[in-house]
Amino acid sequence: MTQSTPFASDPLSRLADEPHAETLFSDLLSKEPYPWEPANPDSQDFFLRQEAELSLADIWSDAELTQQSDRFFAGLTHRWQSASDDALVIHLSRRFAGVPAKWLVAITDQAREMANTTLDEIEKLVSCVQPVLNQWALSDLQVVARPVAFAMRAQSTQNDLQKPWDRLSDVEQARLSLQIAHAALAELETQ
């Protein structure tokens, strides 16, 4: 006894048994095939006919077309920006492995806001970490930020995460958060 598998017979012969197969085949055979080589001069006629069949001017007025295209490109811009935003967080999460993702996101969000401001380095760093270190006094953060700001000027920082994040002291977490802010600001400056 042989068991038939779905692929045992010819797929086209099985399709011919379908109720609407004749209509499907006649529709497929009546259409002009898509030109797979767009650079071929004969393809240009195909594309012109396709554009004539579906003209956006028939669907929308000029004002609506402008509005819809503006919406479309604004959506692309938003998606492109969020993709680059994600890239920065991913880069920082690789560099500072072990730091909670919500901290990285909060710091990078603030860094984006601070990147183009005229504040000095210490103020930028402190502003970047304030959302995650809100229990710290502003003056205390400024004191801890000074060495990191000097390192910014020298273009040298290091990752001080020598032990798991939850085992770091509050001062070590603050110092590392400032280093993350520095890395985020430096990355944003190069973009």
C-alpha atoms as a PDB file:
ATOM      1  CA  MET A   1       0.000   0.000   0.000  1.00  0.00           C
ATOM      2  CA  THR A   2       1.510   3.255  -1.109  1.00  0.00           C
ATOM      3  CA  GLN A   3       0.757   6.413   0.701  1.00  0.00           C
ATOM      4  CA  SER A   4       0.509   9.532  -1.425  1.00  0.00           C
ATOM      5  CA  THR A   5       2.140  12.677  -0.201  1.00  0.00           C
ATOM      6  CA  PRO A   6       0.977  16.157  -1.038  1.00  0.00           C
ATOM      7  CA  PHE A   7       3.987  16.559  -3.325  1.00  0.00           C
ATOM      8  CA  ALA A   8       3.716  13.182  -5.050  1.00  0.00           C
ATOM      9  CA  SER A   9       1.693  14.456  -7.992  1.00  0.00           C
ATOM     10  CA  ASP A  10       2.367  17.341 -10.308  1.00  0.00           C
ATOM     11  CA  PRO A  11       1.344  20.597  -8.557  1.00  0.00           C
ATOM     12  CA  LEU A  12      -0.152  22.031 -11.735  1.00  0.00           C
ATOM     13  CA  SER A  13      -2.362  19.022 -12.310  1.00  0.00           C
ATOM     14  CA  ARG A  14      -3.598  19.269  -8.714  1.00  0.00           C
ATOM     15  CA  LEU A  15      -4.272  22.966  -9.221  1.00  0.00           C
ATOM     16  CA  ALA A  16      -6.244  22.198 -12.383  1.00  0.00           C
ATOM     17  CA  ASP A  17      -8.668  20.219 -10.221  1.00  0.00           C
ATOM     18  CA  GLU A  18      -9.468  23.327  -8.167  1.00  0.00           C
ATOM     19  CA  PRO A  19     -12.853  24.955  -8.913  1.00  0.00           C
ATOM     20  CA  HIS A  20     -11.497  28.310 -10.076  1.00  0.00           C
ATOM     21  CA  ALA A  21      -8.355  27.033 -11.752  1.00  0.00           C
ATOM     22  CA  GLU A  22      -9.462  27.866 -15.281  1.00  0.00           C
ATOM     23  CA  THR A  23     -10.157  31.470 -14.341  1.00  0.00           C
ATOM     24  CA  LEU A  24      -6.844  31.705 -12.522  1.00  0.00           C
ATOM     25  CA  PHE A  25      -4.858  30.291 -15.417  1.00  0.00           C
ATOM     26  CA  SER A  26      -6.579  32.487 -18.000  1.00  0.00           C
ATOM     27  CA  ASP A  27      -5.960  35.550 -15.831  1.00  0.00           C
ATOM     28  CA  LEU A  28      -2.293  34.675 -15.362  1.00  0.00           C
ATOM     29  CA  LEU A  29      -1.752  33.959 -19.040  1.00  0.00           C
ATOM     30  CA  SER A  30      -3.514  37.121 -20.199  1.00  0.00           C
ATOM     31  CA  LYS A  31      -1.318  39.459 -18.153  1.00  0.00           C
ATOM     32  CA  GLU A  32       1.926  40.798 -19.502  1.00  0.00           C
ATOM     33  CA  PRO A  33       4.850  39.330 -17.565  1.00  0.00           C
ATOM     34  CA  TYR A  34       6.782  41.586 -15.247  1.00  0.00           C
ATOM     35  CA  PRO A  35      10.049  42.774 -16.832  1.00  0.00           C
ATOM     36  CA  TRP A  36      12.785  41.468 -14.570  1.00  0.00           C
ATOM     37  CA  GLU A  37      15.420  43.660 -16.201  1.00  0.00           C
ATOM     38  CA  PRO A  38      14.293  47.273 -15.590  1.00  0.00           C
ATOM     39  CA  ALA A  39      17.313  48.622 -17.486  1.00  0.00           C
ATOM     40  CA  ASN A  40      16.050  46.990 -20.685  1.00  0.00           C
ATOM     41  CA  PRO A  41      14.563  49.701 -22.970  1.00  0.00           C
ATOM     42  CA  ASP A  42      11.501  47.515 -23.631  1.00  0.00           C
ATOM     43  CA  SER A  43      10.704  47.583 -19.906  1.00  0.00           C
ATOM     44  CA  GLN A  44      10.079  51.307 -19.963  1.00  0.00           C
ATOM     45  CA  ASP A  45       6.808  50.802 -21.903  1.00  0.00           C
ATOM     46  CA  PHE A  46       5.591  48.349 -19.265  1.00  0.00           C
ATOM     47  CA  PHE A  47       6.288  50.781 -16.425  1.00  0.00           C
ATOM     48  CA  LEU A  48       4.631  53.683 -18.254  1.00  0.00           C
ATOM     49  CA  ARG A  49       1.482  51.586 -18.803  1.00  0.00           C
ATOM     50  CA  GLN A  50       1.458  50.583 -15.134  1.00  0.00           C
ATOM     51  CA  GLU A  51       1.751  54.204 -14.031  1.00  0.00           C
ATOM     52  CA  ALA A  52      -1.039  55.217 -16.389  1.00  0.00           C
ATOM     53  CA  GLU A  53      -3.326  52.514 -14.960  1.00  0.00           C
ATOM     54  CA  LEU A  54      -2.760  53.601 -11.379  1.00  0.00           C
ATOM     55  CA  SER A  55      -2.376  57.317 -11.171  1.00  0.00           C
ATOM     56  CA  LEU A  56      -2.444  58.828  -7.696  1.00  0.00           C
ATOM     57  CA  ALA A  57      -3.958  61.962  -9.233  1.00  0.00           C
ATOM     58  CA  ASP A  58      -7.110  59.908  -9.864  1.00  0.00           C
ATOM     59  CA  ILE A  59      -7.280  58.907  -6.204  1.00  0.00           C
ATOM     60  CA  TRP A  60      -6.228  62.114  -4.393  1.00  0.00           C
ATOM     61  CA  SER A  61      -6.255  65.784  -5.192  1.00  0.00           C
ATOM     62  CA  ASP A  62      -2.943  67.641  -5.219  1.00  0.00           C
ATOM     63  CA  ALA A  63      -3.517  68.885  -1.665  1.00  0.00           C
ATOM     64  CA  GLU A  64      -4.396  65.390  -0.422  1.00  0.00           C
ATOM     65  CA  LEU A  65      -1.431  63.886  -2.257  1.00  0.00           C
ATOM     66  CA  THR A  66       0.893  66.444  -0.650  1.00  0.00           C
ATOM     67  CA  GLN A  67      -0.615  65.768   2.776  1.00  0.00           C
ATOM     68  CA  GLN A  68      -0.350  61.986   2.369  1.00  0.00           C
ATOM     69  CA  SER A  69       3.231  62.141   1.102  1.00  0.00           C
ATOM     70  CA  ASP A  70       4.192  64.432   3.997  1.00  0.00           C
ATOM     71  CA  ARG A  71       2.641  61.916   6.411  1.00  0.00           C
ATOM     72  CA  PHE A  72       4.459  59.068   4.712  1.00  0.00           C
ATOM     73  CA  PHE A  73       7.850  60.766   4.838  1.00  0.00           C
ATOM     74  CA  ALA A  74       7.301  61.910   8.430  1.00  0.00           C
ATOM     75  CA  GLY A  75       6.645  58.272   9.317  1.00  0.00           C
ATOM     76  CA  LEU A  76       9.832  57.210   7.551  1.00  0.00           C
ATOM     77  CA  THR A  77      11.806  59.886   9.368  1.00  0.00           C
ATOM     78  CA  HIS A  78      10.347  58.775  12.706  1.00  0.00           C
ATOM     79  CA  ARG A  79      11.172  55.134  12.012  1.00  0.00           C
ATOM     80  CA  TRP A  80      14.662  56.003  10.809  1.00  0.00           C
ATOM     81  CA  GLN A  81      15.264  58.075  13.948  1.00  0.00           C
ATOM     82  CA  SER A  82      13.980  55.326  16.228  1.00  0.00           C
ATOM     83  CA  ALA A  83      16.228  52.823  14.450  1.00  0.00           C
ATOM     84  CA  SER A  84      19.263  55.026  15.043  1.00  0.00           C
ATOM     85  CA  ASP A  85      18.097  55.587  18.623  1.00  0.00           C
ATOM     86  CA  ASP A  86      17.968  51.845  19.127  1.00  0.00           C
ATOM     87  CA  ALA A  87      21.428  51.524  17.579  1.00  0.00           C
ATOM     88  CA  LEU A  88      22.879  53.872  20.217  1.00  0.00           C
ATOM     89  CA  VAL A  89      21.267  51.932  23.062  1.00  0.00           C
ATOM     90  CA  ILE A  90      22.490  48.640  21.563  1.00  0.00           C
ATOM     91  CA  HIS A  91      26.011  50.047  21.208  1.00  0.00           C
ATOM     92  CA  LEU A  92      26.012  51.210  24.826  1.00  0.00           C
ATOM     93  CA  SER A  93      24.531  47.948  26.100  1.00  0.00           C
ATOM     94  CA  ARG A  94      27.395  46.066  24.456  1.00  0.00           C
ATOM     95  CA  ARG A  95      29.991  48.448  25.820  1.00  0.00           C
ATOM     96  CA  PHE A  96      28.482  48.568  29.302  1.00  0.00           C
ATOM     97  CA  ALA A  97      27.160  45.015  29.604  1.00  0.00           C
ATOM     98  CA  GLY A  98      25.376  44.397  32.870  1.00  0.00           C
ATOM     99  CA  VAL A  99      23.845  47.860  33.214  1.00  0.00           C
ATOM    100  CA  PRO A 100      20.026  47.719  33.288  1.00  0.00           C
ATOM    101  CA  ALA A 101      18.455  48.539  29.926  1.00  0.00           C
ATOM    102  CA  LYS A 102      16.058  51.079  31.446  1.00  0.00           C
ATOM    103  CA  TRP A 103      19.069  53.032  32.739  1.00  0.00           C
ATOM    104  CA  LEU A 104      20.695  53.004  29.312  1.00  0.00           C
ATOM    105  CA  VAL A 105      17.490  54.149  27.618  1.00  0.00           C
ATOM    106  CA  ALA A 106      16.893  56.935  30.166  1.00  0.00           C
ATOM    107  CA  ILE A 107      20.480  58.181  29.905  1.00  0.00           C
ATOM    108  CA  THR A 108      20.520  58.104  26.088  1.00  0.00           C
ATOM    109  CA  ASP A 109      17.172  59.902  25.911  1.00  0.00           C
ATOM    110  CA  GLN A 110      18.578  62.694  28.065  1.00  0.00           C
ATOM    111  CA  ALA A 111      21.844  62.686  26.104  1.00  0.00           C
ATOM    112  CA  ARG A 112      19.900  63.331  22.892  1.00  0.00           C
ATOM    113  CA  GLU A 113      18.310  66.357  24.496  1.00  0.00           C
ATOM    114  CA  MET A 114      21.637  67.622  25.862  1.00  0.00           C
ATOM    115  CA  ALA A 115      23.806  66.913  22.806  1.00  0.00           C
ATOM    116  CA  ASN A 116      23.131  70.190  21.024  1.00  0.00           C
ATOM    117  CA  THR A 117      22.901  72.468  24.039  1.00  0.00           C
ATOM    118  CA  THR A 118      25.486  75.047  25.024  1.00  0.00           C
ATOM    119  CA  LEU A 119      25.859  73.706  28.558  1.00  0.00           C
ATOM    120  CA  ASP A 120      29.344  72.807  29.770  1.00  0.00           C
ATOM    121  CA  GLU A 121      30.399  69.160  30.024  1.00  0.00           C
ATOM    122  CA  ILE A 122      29.612  68.749  33.716  1.00  0.00           C
ATOM    123  CA  GLU A 123      26.114  70.180  33.342  1.00  0.00           C
ATOM    124  CA  LYS A 124      25.430  67.919  30.339  1.00  0.00           C
ATOM    125  CA  LEU A 125      26.626  64.835  32.199  1.00  0.00           C
ATOM    126  CA  VAL A 126      24.622  65.655  35.315  1.00  0.00           C
ATOM    127  CA  SER A 127      21.492  66.360  33.241  1.00  0.00           C
ATOM    128  CA  CYS A 128      21.879  63.004  31.491  1.00  0.00           C
ATOM    129  CA  VAL A 129      22.004  60.975  34.711  1.00  0.00           C
ATOM    130  CA  GLN A 130      19.520  62.920  36.847  1.00  0.00           C
ATOM    131  CA  PRO A 131      16.515  60.781  35.795  1.00  0.00           C
ATOM    132  CA  VAL A 132      18.191  57.593  37.022  1.00  0.00           C
ATOM    133  CA  LEU A 133      19.987  59.128  39.988  1.00  0.00           C
ATOM    134  CA  ASN A 134      17.161  61.336  41.212  1.00  0.00           C
ATOM    135  CA  GLN A 135      17.977  60.532  44.869  1.00  0.00           C
ATOM    136  CA  TRP A 136      21.316  62.336  44.474  1.00  0.00           C
ATOM    137  CA  ALA A 137      21.714  66.035  45.201  1.00  0.00           C
ATOM    138  CA  LEU A 138      22.727  68.128  42.211  1.00  0.00           C
ATOM    139  CA  SER A 139      25.919  69.302  43.918  1.00  0.00           C
ATOM    140  CA  ASP A 140      26.945  65.709  44.728  1.00  0.00           C
ATOM    141  CA  LEU A 141      26.467  64.670  41.100  1.00  0.00           C
ATOM    142  CA  GLN A 142      28.569  67.625  39.972  1.00  0.00           C
ATOM    143  CA  VAL A 143      31.418  66.548  42.257  1.00  0.00           C
ATOM    144  CA  VAL A 144      31.322  62.980  40.927  1.00  0.00           C
ATOM    145  CA  ALA A 145      30.980  64.267  37.338  1.00  0.00           C
ATOM    146  CA  ARG A 146      34.133  66.415  37.435  1.00  0.00           C
ATOM    147  CA  PRO A 147      36.632  63.583  36.790  1.00  0.00           C
ATOM    148  CA  VAL A 148      34.447  62.210  33.994  1.00  0.00           C
ATOM    149  CA  ALA A 149      34.186  65.667  32.415  1.00  0.00           C
ATOM    150  CA  PHE A 150      37.974  66.030  32.511  1.00  0.00           C
ATOM    151  CA  ALA A 151      38.238  62.633  30.850  1.00  0.00           C
ATOM    152  CA  MET A 152      35.836  63.926  28.171  1.00  0.00           C
ATOM    153  CA  ARG A 153      38.267  66.685  27.353  1.00  0.00           C
ATOM    154  CA  ALA A 154      41.101  64.166  27.123  1.00  0.00           C
ATOM    155  CA  GLN A 155      38.883  61.844  25.019  1.00  0.00           C
ATOM    156  CA  SER A 156      39.574  58.877  27.264  1.00  0.00           C
ATOM    157  CA  THR A 157      37.165  56.857  29.327  1.00  0.00           C
ATOM    158  CA  GLN A 158      37.101  53.325  30.534  1.00  0.00           C
ATOM    159  CA  ASN A 159      34.408  50.926  31.582  1.00  0.00           C
ATOM    160  CA  ASP A 160      34.675  50.513  35.357  1.00  0.00           C
ATOM    161  CA  LEU A 161      32.118  47.703  35.546  1.00  0.00           C
ATOM    162  CA  GLN A 162      34.325  45.170  37.293  1.00  0.00           C
ATOM    163  CA  LYS A 163      31.510  43.445  39.183  1.00  0.00           C
ATOM    164  CA  PRO A 164      27.773  42.920  38.675  1.00  0.00           C
ATOM    165  CA  TRP A 165      25.677  46.086  38.569  1.00  0.00           C
ATOM    166  CA  ASP A 166      23.619  45.217  41.622  1.00  0.00           C
ATOM    167  CA  ARG A 167      26.807  44.741  43.665  1.00  0.00           C
ATOM    168  CA  LEU A 168      28.150  48.219  42.847  1.00  0.00           C
ATOM    169  CA  SER A 169      27.909  50.885  45.528  1.00  0.00           C
ATOM    170  CA  ASP A 170      25.785  53.980  44.891  1.00  0.00           C
ATOM    171  CA  VAL A 171      28.915  56.003  44.124  1.00  0.00           C
ATOM    172  CA  GLU A 172      30.165  53.363  41.667  1.00  0.00           C
ATOM    173  CA  GLN A 173      26.761  53.264  39.969  1.00  0.00           C
ATOM    174  CA  ALA A 174      26.782  57.055  39.712  1.00  0.00           C
ATOM    175  CA  ARG A 175      30.311  57.096  38.289  1.00  0.00           C
ATOM    176  CA  LEU A 176      29.441  54.404  35.756  1.00  0.00           C
ATOM    177  CA  SER A 177      26.208  56.197  34.817  1.00  0.00           C
ATOM    178  CA  LEU A 178      28.227  59.344  34.136  1.00  0.00           C
ATOM    179  CA  GLN A 179      30.612  57.324  31.965  1.00  0.00           C
ATOM    180  CA  ILE A 180      27.626  55.997  30.020  1.00  0.00           C
ATOM    181  CA  ALA A 181      26.374  59.559  29.586  1.00  0.00           C
ATOM    182  CA  HIS A 182      29.818  60.581  28.374  1.00  0.00           C
ATOM    183  CA  ALA A 183      29.886  57.712  25.854  1.00  0.00           C
ATOM    184  CA  ALA A 184      26.377  58.579  24.637  1.00  0.00           C
ATOM    185  CA  LEU A 185      27.234  62.267  24.217  1.00  0.00           C
ATOM    186  CA  ALA A 186      30.469  61.405  22.402  1.00  0.00           C
ATOM    187  CA  GLU A 187      28.591  59.060  20.057  1.00  0.00           C
ATOM    188  CA  LEU A 188      25.933  61.692  19.357  1.00  0.00           C
ATOM    189  CA  GLU A 189      28.596  64.280  18.543  1.00  0.00           C
ATOM    190  CA  THR A 190      29.986  62.037  15.801  1.00  0.00           C
ATOM    191  CA  GLN A 191      26.590  61.548  14.148  1.00  0.00           C
END
